[in-house]
C-alpha cells in the first residue's frame, strides 16, 4: 500500500516559497512522484503568506492541490512535520495536524492521502473562495 501526500499551499509546483519552503519543496521532488491534481473537501483560508485547509462536511467546498506518491514516507513526513510545525517539540495545539483524508484525483479516483489540516481558529481569516491558493498569488 502506497503513502500519498496532498499539498495545497507553498509546496505546490507554482507556489511562491520562502527559504524553508524551498528546502521542503526540493525534498518533495526528490523523495516523491507527482501523481496529479487533486481535490480535498475542505474550506481554505489565507493564514499569512500561506494557506490553511479545514476539512468540511459540505461538498461545495473543495480545495485544489497536488497529490504525490511518497518514495520514502518516514524521511519526508518527518521533515514536513517540522515545516508545518506539527512535529515533536512544537507546543500544543500545533498549527497543523497531519491527517489521512480522502482525496479525489483527476480521473475521479478517490485515494487516502496525508494532509496538513489547519488546527487553529479561523475567525478573522480570509476565506479563499476559489479553494485554490495559487489564485491568491
C-alpha atoms as a PDB file:
ATOM      1  CA  UNK A   1       0.000   0.000   0.000  1.00  0.00           C
ATOM      2  CA  UNK A   2       1.422   3.378  -1.026  1.00  0.00           C
ATOM      3  CA  UNK A   3       1.597   6.524   1.026  1.00  0.00           C
ATOM      4  CA  UNK A   4       0.277   9.641  -0.666  1.00  0.00           C
ATOM      5  CA  UNK A   5       0.507  13.309   0.274  1.00  0.00           C
ATOM      6  CA  UNK A   6      -1.868  16.096  -0.763  1.00  0.00           C
ATOM      7  CA  UNK A   7      -0.311  19.591  -0.852  1.00  0.00           C
ATOM      8  CA  UNK A   8      -2.384  22.716  -1.373  1.00  0.00           C
ATOM      9  CA  UNK A   9      -0.129  25.628  -0.442  1.00  0.00           C
ATOM     10  CA  UNK A  10       3.512  26.640  -0.537  1.00  0.00           C
ATOM     11  CA  UNK A  11       4.683  23.143  -1.536  1.00  0.00           C
ATOM     12  CA  UNK A  12       2.767  23.206  -4.838  1.00  0.00           C
ATOM     13  CA  UNK A  13       4.712  23.392  -8.065  1.00  0.00           C
ATOM     14  CA  UNK A  14       3.872  27.010  -8.960  1.00  0.00           C
ATOM     15  CA  UNK A  15       3.672  28.473  -5.449  1.00  0.00           C
ATOM     16  CA  UNK A  16       5.992  31.178  -4.205  1.00  0.00           C
ATOM     17  CA  UNK A  17       8.213  29.799  -1.458  1.00  0.00           C
ATOM     18  CA  UNK A  18      10.389  31.219   1.258  1.00  0.00           C
ATOM     19  CA  UNK A  19      13.699  29.591   2.270  1.00  0.00           C
ATOM     20  CA  UNK A  20      12.217  26.802   4.443  1.00  0.00           C
ATOM     21  CA  UNK A  21       9.547  26.074   1.851  1.00  0.00           C
ATOM     22  CA  UNK A  22      12.131  25.825  -0.914  1.00  0.00           C
ATOM     23  CA  UNK A  23      14.069  23.193   1.030  1.00  0.00           C
ATOM     24  CA  UNK A  24      10.922  21.109   1.661  1.00  0.00           C
ATOM     25  CA  UNK A  25       9.774  21.505  -1.940  1.00  0.00           C
ATOM     26  CA  UNK A  26      13.120  20.136  -3.134  1.00  0.00           C
ATOM     27  CA  UNK A  27      12.834  17.194  -0.709  1.00  0.00           C
ATOM     28  CA  UNK A  28       9.352  16.512  -2.044  1.00  0.00           C
ATOM     29  CA  UNK A  29      10.677  16.492  -5.612  1.00  0.00           C
ATOM     30  CA  UNK A  30      13.497  14.101  -4.647  1.00  0.00           C
ATOM     31  CA  UNK A  31      11.503  11.676  -2.481  1.00  0.00           C
ATOM     32  CA  UNK A  32       8.067  11.641  -4.120  1.00  0.00           C
ATOM     33  CA  UNK A  33       6.453  11.388  -7.537  1.00  0.00           C
ATOM     34  CA  UNK A  34       3.706  13.733  -8.685  1.00  0.00           C
ATOM     35  CA  UNK A  35       0.570  11.659  -9.248  1.00  0.00           C
ATOM     36  CA  UNK A  36      -1.532  14.587 -10.481  1.00  0.00           C
ATOM     37  CA  UNK A  37      -4.023  17.203  -9.427  1.00  0.00           C
ATOM     38  CA  UNK A  38      -6.472  16.508  -6.627  1.00  0.00           C
ATOM     39  CA  UNK A  39      -9.256  17.948  -4.514  1.00  0.00           C
ATOM     40  CA  UNK A  40      -9.928  17.819  -0.794  1.00  0.00           C
ATOM     41  CA  UNK A  41     -13.375  18.523   0.657  1.00  0.00           C
ATOM     42  CA  UNK A  42     -12.381  21.435   2.883  1.00  0.00           C
ATOM     43  CA  UNK A  43     -12.541  25.184   3.362  1.00  0.00           C
ATOM     44  CA  UNK A  44      -9.381  27.140   2.553  1.00  0.00           C
ATOM     45  CA  UNK A  45      -8.173  30.203   4.445  1.00  0.00           C
ATOM     46  CA  UNK A  46      -5.324  32.642   3.986  1.00  0.00           C
ATOM     47  CA  UNK A  47      -3.416  32.401   7.273  1.00  0.00           C
ATOM     48  CA  UNK A  48      -0.462  34.648   6.378  1.00  0.00           C
ATOM     49  CA  UNK A  49       1.652  34.196   3.233  1.00  0.00           C
ATOM     50  CA  UNK A  50       0.429  30.578   3.349  1.00  0.00           C
ATOM     51  CA  UNK A  51      -2.973  28.860   3.467  1.00  0.00           C
ATOM     52  CA  UNK A  52      -4.723  26.568   5.903  1.00  0.00           C
ATOM     53  CA  UNK A  53      -7.336  23.982   4.921  1.00  0.00           C
ATOM     54  CA  UNK A  54     -10.039  22.906   7.365  1.00  0.00           C
ATOM     55  CA  UNK A  55     -11.834  19.688   6.457  1.00  0.00           C
ATOM     56  CA  UNK A  56     -15.543  20.304   5.787  1.00  0.00           C
ATOM     57  CA  UNK A  57     -18.697  18.214   5.653  1.00  0.00           C
ATOM     58  CA  UNK A  58     -20.020  20.453   2.869  1.00  0.00           C
ATOM     59  CA  UNK A  59     -19.231  19.040  -0.617  1.00  0.00           C
ATOM     60  CA  UNK A  60     -19.473  22.548  -2.099  1.00  0.00           C
ATOM     61  CA  UNK A  61     -16.131  23.446  -0.506  1.00  0.00           C
ATOM     62  CA  UNK A  62     -13.214  21.944  -2.427  1.00  0.00           C
ATOM     63  CA  UNK A  63      -9.519  22.699  -2.062  1.00  0.00           C
ATOM     64  CA  UNK A  64      -7.292  22.249  -5.108  1.00  0.00           C
ATOM     65  CA  UNK A  65      -3.834  20.801  -4.842  1.00  0.00           C
ATOM     66  CA  UNK A  66      -1.348  18.195  -5.969  1.00  0.00           C
ATOM     67  CA  UNK A  67      -1.078  14.545  -4.980  1.00  0.00           C
ATOM     68  CA  UNK A  68       2.321  12.926  -4.535  1.00  0.00           C
ATOM     69  CA  UNK A  69       3.204   9.283  -4.097  1.00  0.00           C
ATOM     70  CA  UNK A  70       5.868   9.089  -1.397  1.00  0.00           C
ATOM     71  CA  UNK A  71       9.017   7.050  -2.071  1.00  0.00           C
ATOM     72  CA  UNK A  72      10.455   7.460   1.441  1.00  0.00           C
ATOM     73  CA  UNK A  73       7.479   8.366   3.646  1.00  0.00           C
ATOM     74  CA  UNK A  74       9.209   8.290   7.045  1.00  0.00           C
ATOM     75  CA  UNK A  75      12.030  10.602   5.977  1.00  0.00           C
ATOM     76  CA  UNK A  76       9.847  13.037   4.057  1.00  0.00           C
ATOM     77  CA  UNK A  77       6.985  13.238   6.552  1.00  0.00           C
ATOM     78  CA  UNK A  78       9.392  13.883   9.443  1.00  0.00           C
ATOM     79  CA  UNK A  79      10.818  16.881   7.552  1.00  0.00           C
ATOM     80  CA  UNK A  80       7.387  18.138   6.531  1.00  0.00           C
ATOM     81  CA  UNK A  81       6.083  17.815  10.095  1.00  0.00           C
ATOM     82  CA  UNK A  82       8.804  20.259  11.139  1.00  0.00           C
ATOM     83  CA  UNK A  83       7.971  22.625   8.263  1.00  0.00           C
ATOM     84  CA  UNK A  84       4.250  22.516   9.110  1.00  0.00           C
ATOM     85  CA  UNK A  85       5.025  22.973  12.826  1.00  0.00           C
ATOM     86  CA  UNK A  86       3.312  19.822  13.954  1.00  0.00           C
ATOM     87  CA  UNK A  87       6.296  17.641  14.736  1.00  0.00           C
ATOM     88  CA  UNK A  88       7.897  16.855  18.067  1.00  0.00           C
ATOM     89  CA  UNK A  89       8.903  19.923  20.024  1.00  0.00           C
ATOM     90  CA  UNK A  90       6.022  22.176  18.978  1.00  0.00           C
ATOM     91  CA  UNK A  91       3.628  23.404  21.643  1.00  0.00           C
ATOM     92  CA  UNK A  92       0.092  22.053  21.600  1.00  0.00           C
ATOM     93  CA  UNK A  93      -2.155  22.889  19.918  1.00  0.00           C
ATOM     94  CA  UNK A  94       0.094  22.767  16.880  1.00  0.00           C
ATOM     95  CA  UNK A  95      -0.671  24.962  13.883  1.00  0.00           C
ATOM     96  CA  UNK A  96      -1.403  21.934  11.696  1.00  0.00           C
ATOM     97  CA  UNK A  97      -2.328  18.301  12.186  1.00  0.00           C
ATOM     98  CA  UNK A  98      -1.225  15.638   9.721  1.00  0.00           C
ATOM     99  CA  UNK A  99      -4.296  13.530   8.968  1.00  0.00           C
ATOM    100  CA  UNK A 100      -5.318  10.920   6.408  1.00  0.00           C
ATOM    101  CA  UNK A 101      -8.138  12.294   4.258  1.00  0.00           C
ATOM    102  CA  UNK A 102      -9.986  11.216   1.140  1.00  0.00           C
ATOM    103  CA  UNK A 103      -8.703  12.992  -1.973  1.00  0.00           C
ATOM    104  CA  UNK A 104     -10.326  12.957  -5.393  1.00  0.00           C
ATOM    105  CA  UNK A 105      -7.700  12.802  -8.123  1.00  0.00           C
ATOM    106  CA  UNK A 106      -8.040  13.893 -11.760  1.00  0.00           C
ATOM    107  CA  UNK A 107      -9.799  10.764 -13.014  1.00  0.00           C
ATOM    108  CA  UNK A 108     -12.370  10.854 -10.138  1.00  0.00           C
ATOM    109  CA  UNK A 109     -10.477   8.105  -8.323  1.00  0.00           C
ATOM    110  CA  UNK A 110     -10.595   8.519  -4.557  1.00  0.00           C
ATOM    111  CA  UNK A 111      -7.480   7.807  -2.527  1.00  0.00           C
ATOM    112  CA  UNK A 112      -6.424   8.235   1.081  1.00  0.00           C
ATOM    113  CA  UNK A 113      -3.594  10.744   1.466  1.00  0.00           C
ATOM    114  CA  UNK A 114      -1.798  12.624   4.199  1.00  0.00           C
ATOM    115  CA  UNK A 115      -2.988  16.234   4.517  1.00  0.00           C
ATOM    116  CA  UNK A 116      -1.815  19.024   6.781  1.00  0.00           C
ATOM    117  CA  UNK A 117      -5.056  20.369   8.241  1.00  0.00           C
ATOM    118  CA  UNK A 118      -5.088  23.806   9.863  1.00  0.00           C
ATOM    119  CA  UNK A 119      -5.594  23.426  13.617  1.00  0.00           C
ATOM    120  CA  UNK A 120      -6.304  26.954  14.914  1.00  0.00           C
ATOM    121  CA  UNK A 121      -9.443  29.106  14.961  1.00  0.00           C
ATOM    122  CA  UNK A 122     -10.301  30.653  11.596  1.00  0.00           C
ATOM    123  CA  UNK A 123     -12.152  33.682  12.998  1.00  0.00           C
ATOM    124  CA  UNK A 124     -10.809  36.761  11.248  1.00  0.00           C
ATOM    125  CA  UNK A 125      -9.050  34.805   8.480  1.00  0.00           C
ATOM    126  CA  UNK A 126      -9.904  35.493   4.855  1.00  0.00           C
ATOM    127  CA  UNK A 127     -11.540  32.511   3.151  1.00  0.00           C
ATOM    128  CA  UNK A 128     -10.108  31.674  -0.274  1.00  0.00           C
ATOM    129  CA  UNK A 129     -13.419  31.211  -2.049  1.00  0.00           C
ATOM    130  CA  UNK A 130     -11.939  29.525  -5.139  1.00  0.00           C
ATOM    131  CA  UNK A 131     -10.327  26.837  -2.966  1.00  0.00           C
ATOM    132  CA  UNK A 132      -7.082  27.372  -4.878  1.00  0.00           C
ATOM    133  CA  UNK A 133      -4.179  29.065  -3.101  1.00  0.00           C
ATOM    134  CA  UNK A 134      -2.435  29.735  -6.422  1.00  0.00           C
ATOM    135  CA  UNK A 135      -5.251  32.159  -7.328  1.00  0.00           C
ATOM    136  CA  UNK A 136      -4.146  34.341  -4.397  1.00  0.00           C
ATOM    137  CA  UNK A 137      -0.576  34.777  -5.626  1.00  0.00           C
END
